[in-house]
């Protein structure tokens, strides 16, 4: 059974993440920016490891934001946003390592990519990491079907 989440929750999370990542870019390179990006990486790690519905921002959405929203929620599978959190974690870790090692350009570029993805979700409700997840599922299914066709079809040379 798949876990279902309110589709507005990841959009809220992306909006907050966008503000955090923008603050990182505005204050980088600095210790503050590195620590802030490390904190964001920790939030990504919770979302990727335990599930997006178990993050502190999901709790804020459930208890503070969602009760004030009108309309009925659209429910979606939690797996694609969870994968997106893992992608965000990867970019945040590259950014932290870049800033911590003095490779500020690496940190800025990685943070910029994460910010672009978060803004796409926050503003347009387009989750880039979710789309990557769905593409990877299609690729795996296609690969499996190709292998099974090769096994079933006799090869004549």
Protein backbone atom coordinates (compact mmCIF):
# COMPACT_ATOMS: atom_id res chain seq x y z
CA UNK A 1 0.00 0.00 0.00
CA UNK A 2 1.33 3.43 -0.92
CA UNK A 3 1.28 6.36 1.43
CA UNK A 4 -0.89 9.23 0.19
CA UNK A 5 -0.17 12.88 0.98
CA UNK A 6 -1.95 16.17 0.34
CA UNK A 7 -0.32 17.47 -2.84
CA UNK A 8 -0.28 21.00 -1.43
CA UNK A 9 2.14 19.93 1.33
CA UNK A 10 5.20 19.47 -0.90
CA UNK A 11 4.41 22.79 -2.57
CA UNK A 12 4.41 24.50 0.85
CA UNK A 13 7.66 22.73 1.73
CA UNK A 14 9.19 23.87 -1.57
CA UNK A 15 8.22 27.47 -0.83
CA UNK A 16 9.95 27.40 2.56
CA UNK A 17 12.93 25.59 1.05
CA UNK A 18 13.16 28.29 -1.63
CA UNK A 19 13.42 30.99 1.03
CA UNK A 20 16.13 29.04 2.87
CA UNK A 21 18.15 28.38 -0.29
CA UNK A 22 17.81 32.01 -1.41
CA UNK A 23 19.17 33.07 1.99
CA UNK A 24 22.09 30.70 1.49
CA UNK A 25 22.90 32.24 -1.89
CA UNK A 26 22.54 35.79 -0.57
CA UNK A 27 24.91 35.18 2.36
CA UNK A 28 27.42 32.84 0.69
CA UNK A 29 30.24 32.26 1.05
CA UNK A 30 30.04 32.42 4.82
CA UNK A 31 29.84 30.16 7.82
CA UNK A 32 26.20 31.15 8.20
CA UNK A 33 25.40 30.05 4.62
CA UNK A 34 27.19 26.73 5.11
CA UNK A 35 25.38 26.01 8.39
CA UNK A 36 22.03 27.03 6.90
CA UNK A 37 22.59 24.76 3.90
CA UNK A 38 23.63 21.93 6.23
CA UNK A 39 20.37 22.41 8.16
CA UNK A 40 18.44 22.24 4.88
CA UNK A 41 20.37 19.08 4.00
CA UNK A 42 19.26 17.58 7.32
CA UNK A 43 15.63 18.38 6.46
CA UNK A 44 16.10 16.77 3.04
CA UNK A 45 17.62 13.71 4.76
CA UNK A 46 14.57 13.33 7.03
CA UNK A 47 12.26 13.59 4.02
CA UNK A 48 14.27 11.10 1.99
CA UNK A 49 14.88 8.68 4.85
CA UNK A 50 11.67 8.71 6.87
CA UNK A 51 9.26 10.05 4.28
CA UNK A 52 8.19 13.55 3.40
CA UNK A 53 5.15 13.26 5.68
CA UNK A 54 7.49 12.98 8.72
CA UNK A 55 9.42 16.22 8.22
CA UNK A 56 9.01 19.21 10.53
CA UNK A 57 7.60 21.24 7.64
CA UNK A 58 4.99 18.55 6.96
CA UNK A 59 3.92 18.85 10.60
CA UNK A 60 3.62 22.65 10.21
CA UNK A 61 1.60 22.15 7.04
CA UNK A 62 -0.75 19.62 8.68
CA UNK A 63 -1.31 21.56 11.90
CA UNK A 64 -1.12 25.21 10.83
CA UNK A 65 -1.52 25.61 7.06
CA UNK A 66 -3.92 22.88 5.85
CA UNK A 67 -6.70 23.68 8.37
CA UNK A 68 -6.80 27.20 6.92
CA UNK A 69 -6.94 26.12 3.27
CA UNK A 70 -10.22 25.89 1.40
CA UNK A 71 -11.17 23.22 -1.07
CA UNK A 72 -10.57 19.52 -0.98
CA UNK A 73 -7.03 18.23 -1.10
CA UNK A 74 -5.71 16.25 -4.03
CA UNK A 75 -4.00 13.14 -2.70
CA UNK A 76 -0.84 11.80 -4.32
CA UNK A 77 1.67 9.04 -3.80
CA UNK A 78 4.41 10.07 -1.37
CA UNK A 79 7.16 8.16 -3.23
CA UNK A 80 7.94 10.77 -5.93
CA UNK A 81 8.28 13.68 -3.44
CA UNK A 82 10.39 11.43 -1.21
CA UNK A 83 12.71 10.79 -4.16
CA UNK A 84 12.79 14.55 -4.82
CA UNK A 85 13.96 15.04 -1.24
CA UNK A 86 16.84 12.63 -1.93
CA UNK A 87 17.78 14.63 -5.03
CA UNK A 88 17.65 17.83 -2.98
CA UNK A 89 19.83 16.16 -0.35
CA UNK A 90 22.42 15.35 -3.00
CA UNK A 91 22.59 18.95 -4.20
CA UNK A 92 22.66 20.31 -0.65
CA UNK A 93 25.51 17.98 0.34
CA UNK A 94 27.52 18.99 -2.72
CA UNK A 95 26.87 22.61 -1.78
CA UNK A 96 27.93 22.13 1.84
CA UNK A 97 31.09 20.33 0.78
CA UNK A 98 31.82 23.04 -1.76
CA UNK A 99 31.41 25.86 0.76
CA UNK A 100 33.26 24.01 3.53
CA UNK A 101 36.22 23.20 1.29
CA UNK A 102 36.54 26.69 -0.14
CA UNK A 103 35.12 25.75 -3.55
CA UNK A 104 32.49 28.48 -3.36
CA UNK A 105 31.54 28.21 -7.03
CA UNK A 106 30.63 24.53 -6.54
CA UNK A 107 28.56 25.47 -3.49
CA UNK A 108 26.81 28.29 -5.33
CA UNK A 109 26.01 26.19 -8.40
CA UNK A 110 24.70 23.23 -6.38
CA UNK A 111 22.58 25.53 -4.22
CA UNK A 112 21.36 27.34 -7.33
CA UNK A 113 20.20 24.07 -8.91
CA UNK A 114 18.37 23.10 -5.72
CA UNK A 115 16.76 26.55 -5.57
CA UNK A 116 15.63 26.34 -9.20
CA UNK A 117 13.97 22.97 -8.55
CA UNK A 118 12.32 24.22 -5.34
CA UNK A 119 11.01 27.34 -7.09
CA UNK A 120 9.52 25.26 -9.91
CA UNK A 121 7.55 23.31 -7.33
CA UNK A 122 6.63 26.30 -5.15
CA UNK A 123 5.48 28.56 -7.97
CA UNK A 124 4.28 26.19 -10.72
CA UNK A 125 3.62 22.99 -8.75
CA UNK A 126 6.11 21.24 -11.04
CA UNK A 127 8.25 18.83 -9.05
CA UNK A 128 11.41 18.16 -11.05
CA UNK A 129 12.58 15.39 -8.71
CA UNK A 130 9.14 13.75 -8.96
CA UNK A 131 9.39 13.79 -12.74
CA UNK A 132 12.85 12.20 -12.54
CA UNK A 133 11.37 9.50 -10.31
CA UNK A 134 8.60 8.76 -12.80
CA UNK A 135 11.06 8.72 -15.72
CA UNK A 136 13.28 6.27 -13.85
CA UNK A 137 10.29 3.99 -13.22
CA UNK A 138 9.43 4.05 -16.94
CA UNK A 139 13.05 3.28 -17.84
CA UNK A 140 13.14 0.32 -15.46
CA UNK A 141 9.85 -1.02 -16.79
CA UNK A 142 10.99 -0.57 -20.39
CA UNK A 143 14.28 -2.32 -19.62
CA UNK A 144 12.46 -5.24 -18.00
CA UNK A 145 10.05 -5.57 -20.92
CA UNK A 146 12.96 -5.47 -23.39
CA UNK A 147 14.75 -8.26 -21.49
CA UNK A 148 11.64 -10.40 -21.27
CA UNK A 149 10.96 -9.92 -25.01
CA UNK A 150 14.51 -11.01 -25.83
CA UNK A 151 14.10 -14.11 -23.69
CA UNK A 152 10.75 -15.00 -25.27
CA UNK A 153 11.66 -14.26 -28.89
CA UNK A 154 13.89 -16.83 -30.60
CA UNK A 155 17.00 -15.35 -32.15
CA UNK A 156 17.73 -16.52 -35.70
CA UNK A 157 21.00 -15.52 -37.29
